[in-house]
Amino acid sequence: MTRLNRRRNDAALGLLGNLPTAGDMLTLRWVEELAREAQMFANQCSPPYFPEEKDLCRDLYSTTVGQNVASVVGEAPGLRVESMVDLWYMQGKHYRGNVTAFVS
């Protein structure tokens, strides 16, 4: 969570260069109950072929959720979760869409 929050903070401050700063990006925190629920969902779902596909199995009625999907094919000795977070963050440098406002 520390690495993820640090990278999100960098993005919120505009350090990616091509994205605007965020007005109020909240810090993520680990919630064990939510982690159990997420694992139950994951156990029932087939991974999408493309991350942008709608994942009906993941959607909740009571709250908005998001996901970061990382996968490794084969063995990857020494690969750490932090490295996957960094790869996710670096994708933002290539983002060419338009972000004007988001209200949840």
PDB file of N, CA and C in Angstrom:
ATOM      1  N   MET A   1       0.827  -1.188   0.000  1.00  0.00           N
ATOM      2  CA  MET A   1       0.000   0.000   0.000  1.00  0.00           C
ATOM      3  C   MET A   1       0.873   1.254   0.000  1.00  0.00           C
ATOM      4  N   THR A   2       2.012   1.163   0.665  1.00  0.00           N
ATOM      5  CA  THR A   2       2.888   2.330   0.728  1.00  0.00           C
ATOM      6  C   THR A   2       3.345   2.740  -0.666  1.00  0.00           C
ATOM      7  N   ARG A   3       3.798   1.785  -1.463  1.00  0.00           N
ATOM      8  CA  ARG A   3       4.276   2.105  -2.812  1.00  0.00           C
ATOM      9  C   ARG A   3       3.125   2.628  -3.668  1.00  0.00           C
ATOM     10  N   LEU A   4       1.981   1.995  -3.565  1.00  0.00           N
ATOM     11  CA  LEU A   4       0.835   2.419  -4.360  1.00  0.00           C
ATOM     12  C   LEU A   4       0.425   3.842  -4.004  1.00  0.00           C
ATOM     13  N   ASN A   5       0.348   4.148  -2.712  1.00  0.00           N
ATOM     14  CA  ASN A   5      -0.014   5.499  -2.297  1.00  0.00           C
ATOM     15  C   ASN A   5       1.037   6.520  -2.720  1.00  0.00           C
ATOM     16  N   ARG A   6       2.300   6.146  -2.669  1.00  0.00           N
ATOM     17  CA  ARG A   6       3.363   7.067  -3.091  1.00  0.00           C
ATOM     18  C   ARG A   6       3.224   7.386  -4.583  1.00  0.00           C
ATOM     19  N   ARG A   7       2.987   6.367  -5.386  1.00  0.00           N
ATOM     20  CA  ARG A   7       2.841   6.578  -6.825  1.00  0.00           C
ATOM     21  C   ARG A   7       1.575   7.371  -7.148  1.00  0.00           C
ATOM     22  N   ARG A   8       0.493   7.102  -6.447  1.00  0.00           N
ATOM     23  CA  ARG A   8      -0.741   7.870  -6.636  1.00  0.00           C
ATOM     24  C   ARG A   8      -0.520   9.332  -6.262  1.00  0.00           C
ATOM     25  N   ASN A   9       0.239   9.565  -5.188  1.00  0.00           N
ATOM     26  CA  ASN A   9       0.539  10.933  -4.775  1.00  0.00           C
ATOM     27  C   ASN A   9       1.363  11.648  -5.848  1.00  0.00           C
ATOM     28  N   ASP A  10       2.341  10.945  -6.416  1.00  0.00           N
ATOM     29  CA  ASP A  10       3.136  11.529  -7.503  1.00  0.00           C
ATOM     30  C   ASP A  10       2.228  11.945  -8.662  1.00  0.00           C
ATOM     31  N   ALA A  11       1.301  11.064  -9.016  1.00  0.00           N
ATOM     32  CA  ALA A  11       0.374  11.374 -10.106  1.00  0.00           C
ATOM     33  C   ALA A  11      -0.513  12.562  -9.730  1.00  0.00           C
ATOM     34  N   ALA A  12      -0.991  12.599  -8.493  1.00  0.00           N
ATOM     35  CA  ALA A  12      -1.850  13.694  -8.034  1.00  0.00           C
ATOM     36  C   ALA A  12      -1.129  15.036  -8.080  1.00  0.00           C
ATOM     37  N   LEU A  13       0.169  15.016  -7.843  1.00  0.00           N
ATOM     38  CA  LEU A  13       0.966  16.246  -7.873  1.00  0.00           C
ATOM     39  C   LEU A  13       1.323  16.680  -9.292  1.00  0.00           C
ATOM     40  N   GLY A  14       0.954  15.864 -10.275  1.00  0.00           N
ATOM     41  CA  GLY A  14       1.236  16.200 -11.659  1.00  0.00           C
ATOM     42  C   GLY A  14       2.615  15.783 -12.127  1.00  0.00           C
ATOM     43  N   LEU A  15       3.270  14.886 -11.391  1.00  0.00           N
ATOM     44  CA  LEU A  15       4.630  14.497 -11.734  1.00  0.00           C
ATOM     45  C   LEU A  15       4.722  13.573 -12.948  1.00  0.00           C
ATOM     46  N   LEU A  16       3.578  13.104 -13.444  1.00  0.00           N
ATOM     47  CA  LEU A  16       3.603  12.300 -14.667  1.00  0.00           C
ATOM     48  C   LEU A  16       3.788  13.184 -15.895  1.00  0.00           C
ATOM     49  N   GLY A  17       3.507  14.461 -15.751  1.00  0.00           N
ATOM     50  CA  GLY A  17       3.747  15.397 -16.837  1.00  0.00           C
ATOM     51  C   GLY A  17       2.585  15.622 -17.771  1.00  0.00           C
ATOM     52  N   ASN A  18       1.884  14.572 -18.159  1.00  0.00           N
ATOM     53  CA  ASN A  18       0.812  14.743 -19.139  1.00  0.00           C
ATOM     54  C   ASN A  18      -0.582  14.656 -18.521  1.00  0.00           C
ATOM     55  N   LEU A  19      -0.667  14.530 -17.216  1.00  0.00           N
ATOM     56  CA  LEU A  19      -1.956  14.493 -16.532  1.00  0.00           C
ATOM     57  C   LEU A  19      -2.074  15.716 -15.630  1.00  0.00           C
ATOM     58  N   PRO A  20      -3.286  16.244 -15.469  1.00  0.00           N
ATOM     59  CA  PRO A  20      -3.455  17.380 -14.567  1.00  0.00           C
ATOM     60  C   PRO A  20      -3.283  16.949 -13.112  1.00  0.00           C
ATOM     61  N   THR A  21      -3.051  17.909 -12.247  1.00  0.00           N
ATOM     62  CA  THR A  21      -2.970  17.596 -10.822  1.00  0.00           C
ATOM     63  C   THR A  21      -4.352  17.188 -10.326  1.00  0.00           C
ATOM     64  N   ALA A  22      -4.376  16.441  -9.243  1.00  0.00           N
ATOM     65  CA  ALA A  22      -5.643  16.006  -8.643  1.00  0.00           C
ATOM     66  C   ALA A  22      -5.974  16.925  -7.478  1.00  0.00           C
ATOM     67  N   GLY A  23      -7.221  17.300  -7.373  1.00  0.00           N
ATOM     68  CA  GLY A  23      -7.636  18.200  -6.309  1.00  0.00           C
ATOM     69  C   GLY A  23      -7.732  17.532  -4.958  1.00  0.00           C
ATOM     70  N   ASP A  24      -8.139  16.273  -4.928  1.00  0.00           N
ATOM     71  CA  ASP A  24      -8.383  15.623  -3.642  1.00  0.00           C
ATOM     72  C   ASP A  24      -8.279  14.109  -3.794  1.00  0.00           C
ATOM     73  N   MET A  25      -7.094  13.605  -4.125  1.00  0.00           N
ATOM     74  CA  MET A  25      -6.911  12.162  -4.258  1.00  0.00           C
ATOM     75  C   MET A  25      -6.684  11.575  -2.870  1.00  0.00           C
ATOM     76  N   LEU A  26      -7.549  10.703  -2.472  1.00  0.00           N
ATOM     77  CA  LEU A  26      -7.487  10.130  -1.131  1.00  0.00           C
ATOM     78  C   LEU A  26      -6.419   9.044  -1.032  1.00  0.00           C
ATOM     79  N   THR A  27      -5.924   8.839   0.169  1.00  0.00           N
ATOM     80  CA  THR A  27      -4.958   7.782   0.446  1.00  0.00           C
ATOM     81  C   THR A  27      -5.697   6.455   0.552  1.00  0.00           C
ATOM     82  N   LEU A  28      -5.149   5.426  -0.066  1.00  0.00           N
ATOM     83  CA  LEU A  28      -5.728   4.091   0.043  1.00  0.00           C
ATOM     84  C   LEU A  28      -5.281   3.446   1.344  1.00  0.00           C
ATOM     85  N   ARG A  29      -6.137   2.634   1.907  1.00  0.00           N
ATOM     86  CA  ARG A  29      -5.757   1.885   3.105  1.00  0.00           C
ATOM     87  C   ARG A  29      -6.283   0.466   2.965  1.00  0.00           C
ATOM     88  N   TRP A  30      -5.581  -0.458   3.579  1.00  0.00           N
ATOM     89  CA  TRP A  30      -5.948  -1.866   3.536  1.00  0.00           C
ATOM     90  C   TRP A  30      -7.114  -2.110   4.475  1.00  0.00           C
ATOM     91  N   VAL A  31      -8.146  -2.778   3.981  1.00  0.00           N
ATOM     92  CA  VAL A  31      -9.306  -3.153   4.789  1.00  0.00           C
ATOM     93  C   VAL A  31      -9.461  -4.659   4.638  1.00  0.00           C
ATOM     94  N   GLU A  32      -9.234  -5.377   5.710  1.00  0.00           N
ATOM     95  CA  GLU A  32      -9.231  -6.837   5.651  1.00  0.00           C
ATOM     96  C   GLU A  32     -10.560  -7.397   5.157  1.00  0.00           C
ATOM     97  N   GLU A  33     -11.675  -6.836   5.616  1.00  0.00           N
ATOM     98  CA  GLU A  33     -12.985  -7.317   5.174  1.00  0.00           C
ATOM     99  C   GLU A  33     -13.136  -7.163   3.655  1.00  0.00           C
ATOM    100  N   LEU A  34     -12.718  -6.029   3.130  1.00  0.00           N
ATOM    101  CA  LEU A  34     -12.789  -5.810   1.691  1.00  0.00           C
ATOM    102  C   LEU A  34     -11.847  -6.754   0.946  1.00  0.00           C
ATOM    103  N   ALA A  35     -10.693  -7.032   1.539  1.00  0.00           N
ATOM    104  CA  ALA A  35      -9.741  -7.965   0.923  1.00  0.00           C
ATOM    105  C   ALA A  35     -10.361  -9.363   0.803  1.00  0.00           C
ATOM    106  N   ARG A  36     -11.068  -9.805   1.836  1.00  0.00           N
ATOM    107  CA  ARG A  36     -11.733 -11.113   1.776  1.00  0.00           C
ATOM    108  C   ARG A  36     -12.809 -11.128   0.693  1.00  0.00           C
ATOM    109  N   GLU A  37     -13.602 -10.053   0.636  1.00  0.00           N
ATOM    110  CA  GLU A  37     -14.643  -9.957  -0.389  1.00  0.00           C
ATOM    111  C   GLU A  37     -14.023  -9.970  -1.786  1.00  0.00           C
ATOM    112  N   ALA A  38     -12.940  -9.227  -1.950  1.00  0.00           N
ATOM    113  CA  ALA A  38     -12.270  -9.169  -3.250  1.00  0.00           C
ATOM    114  C   ALA A  38     -11.748 -10.541  -3.654  1.00  0.00           C
ATOM    115  N   GLN A  39     -11.209 -11.282  -2.703  1.00  0.00           N
ATOM    116  CA  GLN A  39     -10.702 -12.615  -3.014  1.00  0.00           C
ATOM    117  C   GLN A  39     -11.835 -13.544  -3.425  1.00  0.00           C
ATOM    118  N   MET A  40     -12.989 -13.424  -2.752  1.00  0.00           N
ATOM    119  CA  MET A  40     -14.139 -14.250  -3.138  1.00  0.00           C
ATOM    120  C   MET A  40     -14.585 -13.929  -4.562  1.00  0.00           C
ATOM    121  N   PHE A  41     -14.603 -12.631  -4.907  1.00  0.00           N
ATOM    122  CA  PHE A  41     -14.939 -12.246  -6.279  1.00  0.00           C
ATOM    123  C   PHE A  41     -13.920 -12.820  -7.252  1.00  0.00           C
ATOM    124  N   ALA A  42     -12.645 -12.664  -6.926  1.00  0.00           N
ATOM    125  CA  ALA A  42     -11.576 -13.128  -7.820  1.00  0.00           C
ATOM    126  C   ALA A  42     -11.654 -14.632  -8.046  1.00  0.00           C
ATOM    127  N   ASN A  43     -12.027 -15.373  -7.022  1.00  0.00           N
ATOM    128  CA  ASN A  43     -12.126 -16.825  -7.147  1.00  0.00           C
ATOM    129  C   ASN A  43     -13.231 -17.245  -8.113  1.00  0.00           C
ATOM    130  N   GLN A  44     -14.207 -16.378  -8.345  1.00  0.00           N
ATOM    131  CA  GLN A  44     -15.340 -16.706  -9.209  1.00  0.00           C
ATOM    132  C   GLN A  44     -15.188 -16.188 -10.635  1.00  0.00           C
ATOM    133  N   CYS A  45     -14.284 -15.281 -10.848  1.00  0.00           N
ATOM    134  CA  CYS A  45     -14.192 -14.595 -12.140  1.00  0.00           C
ATOM    135  C   CYS A  45     -13.155 -15.221 -13.057  1.00  0.00           C
ATOM    136  N   SER A  46     -13.424 -15.091 -14.333  1.00  0.00           N
ATOM    137  CA  SER A  46     -12.413 -15.408 -15.335  1.00  0.00           C
ATOM    138  C   SER A  46     -11.707 -14.098 -15.649  1.00  0.00           C
ATOM    139  N   PRO A  47     -10.394 -14.125 -15.750  1.00  0.00           N
ATOM    140  CA  PRO A  47      -9.715 -12.865 -16.058  1.00  0.00           C
ATOM    141  C   PRO A  47     -10.107 -12.375 -17.448  1.00  0.00           C
ATOM    142  N   PRO A  48     -10.335 -11.071 -17.603  1.00  0.00           N
ATOM    143  CA  PRO A  48     -10.681 -10.555 -18.932  1.00  0.00           C
ATOM    144  C   PRO A  48      -9.490 -10.670 -19.872  1.00  0.00           C
ATOM    145  N   TYR A  49      -9.774 -10.808 -21.148  1.00  0.00           N
ATOM    146  CA  TYR A  49      -8.692 -10.870 -22.135  1.00  0.00           C
ATOM    147  C   TYR A  49      -8.000  -9.519 -22.264  1.00  0.00           C
ATOM    148  N   PHE A  50      -8.775  -8.460 -22.044  1.00  0.00           N
ATOM    149  CA  PHE A  50      -8.235  -7.108 -22.092  1.00  0.00           C
ATOM    150  C   PHE A  50      -8.663  -6.393 -20.816  1.00  0.00           C
ATOM    151  N   PRO A  51      -7.752  -5.700 -20.125  1.00  0.00           N
ATOM    152  CA  PRO A  51      -8.101  -5.057 -18.849  1.00  0.00           C
ATOM    153  C   PRO A  51      -9.256  -4.075 -18.947  1.00  0.00           C
ATOM    154  N   GLU A  52      -9.470  -3.470 -20.116  1.00  0.00           N
ATOM    155  CA  GLU A  52     -10.540  -2.477 -20.234  1.00  0.00           C
ATOM    156  C   GLU A  52     -11.917  -3.105 -20.421  1.00  0.00           C
ATOM    157  N   GLU A  53     -11.989  -4.431 -20.571  1.00  0.00           N
ATOM    158  CA  GLU A  53     -13.284  -5.090 -20.698  1.00  0.00           C
ATOM    159  C   GLU A  53     -14.085  -4.924 -19.416  1.00  0.00           C
ATOM    160  N   LYS A  54     -15.385  -4.793 -19.560  1.00  0.00           N
ATOM    161  CA  LYS A  54     -16.272  -4.687 -18.401  1.00  0.00           C
ATOM    162  C   LYS A  54     -16.253  -6.012 -17.654  1.00  0.00           C
ATOM    163  N   ASP A  55     -16.034  -5.945 -16.358  1.00  0.00           N
ATOM    164  CA  ASP A  55     -15.960  -7.145 -15.524  1.00  0.00           C
ATOM    165  C   ASP A  55     -17.189  -7.171 -14.625  1.00  0.00           C
ATOM    166  N   LEU A  56     -18.261  -7.785 -15.107  1.00  0.00           N
ATOM    167  CA  LEU A  56     -19.517  -7.788 -14.364  1.00  0.00           C
ATOM    168  C   LEU A  56     -19.394  -8.494 -13.029  1.00  0.00           C
ATOM    169  N   CYS A  57     -18.501  -9.451 -12.926  1.00  0.00           N
ATOM    170  CA  CYS A  57     -18.343 -10.190 -11.683  1.00  0.00           C
ATOM    171  C   CYS A  57     -17.804  -9.297 -10.568  1.00  0.00           C
ATOM    172  N   ARG A  58     -17.070  -8.260 -10.935  1.00  0.00           N
ATOM    173  CA  ARG A  58     -16.414  -7.410  -9.946  1.00  0.00           C
ATOM    174  C   ARG A  58     -17.315  -6.283  -9.452  1.00  0.00           C
ATOM    175  N   ASP A  59     -18.288  -5.875 -10.238  1.00  0.00           N
ATOM    176  CA  ASP A  59     -19.091  -4.716  -9.881  1.00  0.00           C
ATOM    177  C   ASP A  59     -19.894  -4.946  -8.607  1.00  0.00           C
ATOM    178  N   LEU A  60     -19.977  -3.899  -7.792  1.00  0.00           N
ATOM    179  CA  LEU A  60     -20.750  -3.937  -6.557  1.00  0.00           C
ATOM    180  C   LEU A  60     -21.855  -2.889  -6.637  1.00  0.00           C
ATOM    181  N   TYR A  61     -22.984  -3.152  -6.009  1.00  0.00           N
ATOM    182  CA  TYR A  61     -24.063  -2.175  -5.984  1.00  0.00           C
ATOM    183  C   TYR A  61     -23.810  -1.090  -4.950  1.00  0.00           C
ATOM    184  N   SER A  62     -23.132  -1.425  -3.861  1.00  0.00           N
ATOM    185  CA  SER A  62     -23.035  -0.515  -2.725  1.00  0.00           C
ATOM    186  C   SER A  62     -21.884   0.473  -2.789  1.00  0.00           C
ATOM    187  N   THR A  63     -20.894   0.239  -3.638  1.00  0.00           N
ATOM    188  CA  THR A  63     -19.736   1.126  -3.652  1.00  0.00           C
ATOM    189  C   THR A  63     -19.040   1.066  -5.005  1.00  0.00           C
ATOM    190  N   THR A  64     -18.251   2.068  -5.261  1.00  0.00           N
ATOM    191  CA  THR A  64     -17.454   2.095  -6.480  1.00  0.00           C
ATOM    192  C   THR A  64     -16.145   1.383  -6.216  1.00  0.00           C
ATOM    193  N   VAL A  65     -15.747   0.514  -7.111  1.00  0.00           N
ATOM    194  CA  VAL A  65     -14.488  -0.208  -6.948  1.00  0.00           C
ATOM    195  C   VAL A  65     -13.659  -0.069  -8.214  1.00  0.00           C
ATOM    196  N   GLY A  66     -12.387  -0.258  -8.070  1.00  0.00           N
ATOM    197  CA  GLY A  66     -11.487  -0.242  -9.208  1.00  0.00           C
ATOM    198  C   GLY A  66     -10.508  -1.385  -9.056  1.00  0.00           C
ATOM    199  N   GLN A  67      -9.697  -1.585 -10.056  1.00  0.00           N
ATOM    200  CA  GLN A  67      -8.732  -2.670  -9.954  1.00  0.00           C
ATOM    201  C   GLN A  67      -7.495  -2.339 -10.766  1.00  0.00           C
ATOM    202  N   ASN A  68      -6.407  -2.848 -10.318  1.00  0.00           N
ATOM    203  CA  ASN A  68      -5.164  -2.844 -11.077  1.00  0.00           C
ATOM    204  C   ASN A  68      -4.858  -4.307 -11.351  1.00  0.00           C
ATOM    205  N   VAL A  69      -4.703  -4.649 -12.607  1.00  0.00           N
ATOM    206  CA  VAL A  69      -4.457  -6.032 -12.982  1.00  0.00           C
ATOM    207  C   VAL A  69      -3.021  -6.166 -13.455  1.00  0.00           C
ATOM    208  N   ALA A  70      -2.314  -7.089 -12.851  1.00  0.00           N
ATOM    209  CA  ALA A  70      -0.949  -7.399 -13.281  1.00  0.00           C
ATOM    210  C   ALA A  70      -0.856  -8.905 -13.415  1.00  0.00           C
ATOM    211  N   SER A  71      -0.154  -9.357 -14.426  1.00  0.00           N
ATOM    212  CA  SER A  71       0.002 -10.796 -14.583  1.00  0.00           C
ATOM    213  C   SER A  71       1.413 -11.111 -15.044  1.00  0.00           C
ATOM    214  N   VAL A  72       1.835 -12.293 -14.691  1.00  0.00           N
ATOM    215  CA  VAL A  72       3.152 -12.787 -15.068  1.00  0.00           C
ATOM    216  C   VAL A  72       2.947 -14.181 -15.635  1.00  0.00           C
ATOM    217  N   VAL A  73       3.513 -14.441 -16.784  1.00  0.00           N
ATOM    218  CA  VAL A  73       3.434 -15.763 -17.389  1.00  0.00           C
ATOM    219  C   VAL A  73       4.730 -16.491 -17.074  1.00  0.00           C
ATOM    220  N   GLY A  74       4.598 -17.651 -16.465  1.00  0.00           N
ATOM    221  CA  GLY A  74       5.788 -18.415 -16.095  1.00  0.00           C
ATOM    222  C   GLY A  74       6.324 -17.978 -14.740  1.00  0.00           C
ATOM    223  N   GLU A  75       7.501 -18.430 -14.444  1.00  0.00           N
ATOM    224  CA  GLU A  75       8.107 -18.105 -13.157  1.00  0.00           C
ATOM    225  C   GLU A  75       8.833 -16.773 -13.242  1.00  0.00           C
ATOM    226  N   ALA A  76       8.821 -16.060 -12.131  1.00  0.00           N
ATOM    227  CA  ALA A  76       9.510 -14.766 -12.062  1.00  0.00           C
ATOM    228  C   ALA A  76      10.167 -14.641 -10.696  1.00  0.00           C
ATOM    229  N   PRO A  77      11.225 -15.410 -10.455  1.00  0.00           N
ATOM    230  CA  PRO A  77      11.879 -15.352  -9.150  1.00  0.00           C
ATOM    231  C   PRO A  77      12.353 -13.932  -8.848  1.00  0.00           C
ATOM    232  N   GLY A  78      12.086 -13.493  -7.650  1.00  0.00           N
ATOM    233  CA  GLY A  78      12.538 -12.176  -7.218  1.00  0.00           C
ATOM    234  C   GLY A  78      11.628 -11.031  -7.620  1.00  0.00           C
ATOM    235  N   LEU A  79      10.603 -11.292  -8.436  1.00  0.00           N
ATOM    236  CA  LEU A  79       9.685 -10.223  -8.822  1.00  0.00           C
ATOM    237  C   LEU A  79       8.875  -9.807  -7.607  1.00  0.00           C
ATOM    238  N   ARG A  80       8.826  -8.527  -7.356  1.00  0.00           N
ATOM    239  CA  ARG A  80       8.118  -8.013  -6.188  1.00  0.00           C
ATOM    240  C   ARG A  80       6.880  -7.222  -6.622  1.00  0.00           C
ATOM    241  N   VAL A  81       5.899  -7.170  -5.748  1.00  0.00           N
ATOM    242  CA  VAL A  81       4.677  -6.418  -6.022  1.00  0.00           C
ATOM    243  C   VAL A  81       5.012  -4.958  -6.316  1.00  0.00           C
ATOM    244  N   GLU A  82       5.992  -4.406  -5.612  1.00  0.00           N
ATOM    245  CA  GLU A  82       6.368  -3.008  -5.822  1.00  0.00           C
ATOM    246  C   GLU A  82       6.776  -2.749  -7.275  1.00  0.00           C
ATOM    247  N   SER A  83       7.432  -3.725  -7.893  1.00  0.00           N
ATOM    248  CA  SER A  83       7.824  -3.576  -9.300  1.00  0.00           C
ATOM    249  C   SER A  83       6.602  -3.500 -10.202  1.00  0.00           C
ATOM    250  N   MET A  84       5.579  -4.275  -9.879  1.00  0.00           N
ATOM    251  CA  MET A  84       4.355  -4.246 -10.671  1.00  0.00           C
ATOM    252  C   MET A  84       3.644  -2.902 -10.497  1.00  0.00           C
ATOM    253  N   VAL A  85       3.671  -2.356  -9.287  1.00  0.00           N
ATOM    254  CA  VAL A  85       3.083  -1.030  -9.050  1.00  0.00           C
ATOM    255  C   VAL A  85       3.819   0.016  -9.883  1.00  0.00           C
ATOM    256  N   ASP A  86       5.137  -0.065  -9.911  1.00  0.00           N
ATOM    257  CA  ASP A  86       5.921   0.885 -10.700  1.00  0.00           C
ATOM    258  C   ASP A  86       5.593   0.781 -12.191  1.00  0.00           C
ATOM    259  N   LEU A  87       5.400  -0.439 -12.683  1.00  0.00           N
ATOM    260  CA  LEU A  87       5.023  -0.618 -14.088  1.00  0.00           C
ATOM    261  C   LEU A  87       3.658   0.002 -14.370  1.00  0.00           C
ATOM    262  N   TRP A  88       2.723  -0.181 -13.445  1.00  0.00           N
ATOM    263  CA  TRP A  88       1.392   0.426 -13.575  1.00  0.00           C
ATOM    264  C   TRP A  88       1.523   1.949 -13.638  1.00  0.00           C
ATOM    265  N   TYR A  89       2.322   2.514 -12.745  1.00  0.00           N
ATOM    266  CA  TYR A  89       2.510   3.964 -12.696  1.00  0.00           C
ATOM    267  C   TYR A  89       3.103   4.483 -14.005  1.00  0.00           C
ATOM    268  N   MET A  90       4.076   3.774 -14.534  1.00  0.00           N
ATOM    269  CA  MET A  90       4.753   4.223 -15.751  1.00  0.00           C
ATOM    270  C   MET A  90       3.804   4.259 -16.955  1.00  0.00           C
ATOM    271  N   GLN A  91       2.730   3.484 -16.919  1.00  0.00           N
ATOM    272  CA  GLN A  91       1.747   3.533 -18.003  1.00  0.00           C
ATOM    273  C   GLN A  91       1.137   4.927 -18.116  1.00  0.00           C
ATOM    274  N   GLY A  92       1.047   5.623 -16.995  1.00  0.00           N
ATOM    275  CA  GLY A  92       0.490   6.976 -16.995  1.00  0.00           C
ATOM    276  C   GLY A  92       1.281   7.943 -17.848  1.00  0.00           C
ATOM    277  N   LYS A  93       2.566   7.703 -17.997  1.00  0.00           N
ATOM    278  CA  LYS A  93       3.399   8.572 -18.833  1.00  0.00           C
ATOM    279  C   LYS A  93       3.000   8.485 -20.307  1.00  0.00           C
ATOM    280  N   HIS A  94       2.330   7.410 -20.679  1.00  0.00           N
ATOM    281  CA  HIS A  94       1.924   7.210 -22.070  1.00  0.00           C
ATOM    282  C   HIS A  94       0.452   7.544 -22.304  1.00  0.00           C
ATOM    283  N   TYR A  95      -0.249   7.973 -21.250  1.00  0.00           N
ATOM    284  CA  TYR A  95      -1.676   8.273 -21.365  1.00  0.00           C
ATOM    285  C   TYR A  95      -1.880   9.495 -22.246  1.00  0.00           C
ATOM    286  N   ARG A  96      -2.742   9.372 -23.238  1.00  0.00           N
ATOM    287  CA  ARG A  96      -2.986  10.483 -24.159  1.00  0.00           C
ATOM    288  C   ARG A  96      -4.465  10.876 -24.198  1.00  0.00           C
ATOM    289  N   GLY A  97      -5.225  10.429 -23.237  1.00  0.00           N
ATOM    290  CA  GLY A  97      -6.643  10.760 -23.199  1.00  0.00           C
ATOM    291  C   GLY A  97      -6.876  12.150 -22.648  1.00  0.00           C
ATOM    292  N   ASN A  98      -8.114  12.451 -22.361  1.00  0.00           N
ATOM    293  CA  ASN A  98      -8.492  13.755 -21.850  1.00  0.00           C
ATOM    294  C   ASN A  98      -9.110  13.584 -20.472  1.00  0.00           C
ATOM    295  N   VAL A  99      -8.506  14.167 -19.474  1.00  0.00           N
ATOM    296  CA  VAL A  99      -9.039  14.113 -18.117  1.00  0.00           C
ATOM    297  C   VAL A  99      -9.382  15.533 -17.712  1.00  0.00           C
ATOM    298  N   THR A 100     -10.675  15.831 -17.608  1.00  0.00           N
ATOM    299  CA  THR A 100     -11.066  17.177 -17.202  1.00  0.00           C
ATOM    300  C   THR A 100     -11.656  17.182 -15.806  1.00  0.00           C
ATOM    301  N   ALA A 101     -12.478  16.196 -15.480  1.00  0.00           N
ATOM    302  CA  ALA A 101     -13.088  16.152 -14.148  1.00  0.00           C
ATOM    303  C   ALA A 101     -13.592  14.748 -13.872  1.00  0.00           C
ATOM    304  N   PHE A 102     -13.555  14.373 -12.604  1.00  0.00           N
ATOM    305  CA  PHE A 102     -14.120  13.100 -12.175  1.00  0.00           C
ATOM    306  C   PHE A 102     -14.794  13.335 -10.843  1.00  0.00           C
ATOM    307  N   VAL A 103     -16.038  12.990 -10.748  1.00  0.00           N
ATOM    308  CA  VAL A 103     -16.787  13.146  -9.508  1.00  0.00           C
ATOM    309  C   VAL A 103     -17.358  11.796  -9.149  1.00  0.00           C
ATOM    310  N   SER A 104     -17.109  11.368  -7.919  1.00  0.00           N
ATOM    311  CA  SER A 104     -17.659  10.074  -7.513  1.00  0.00           C
ATOM    312  C   SER A 104     -18.786  10.272  -6.537  1.00  0.00           C
TER     313      SER A 104
END
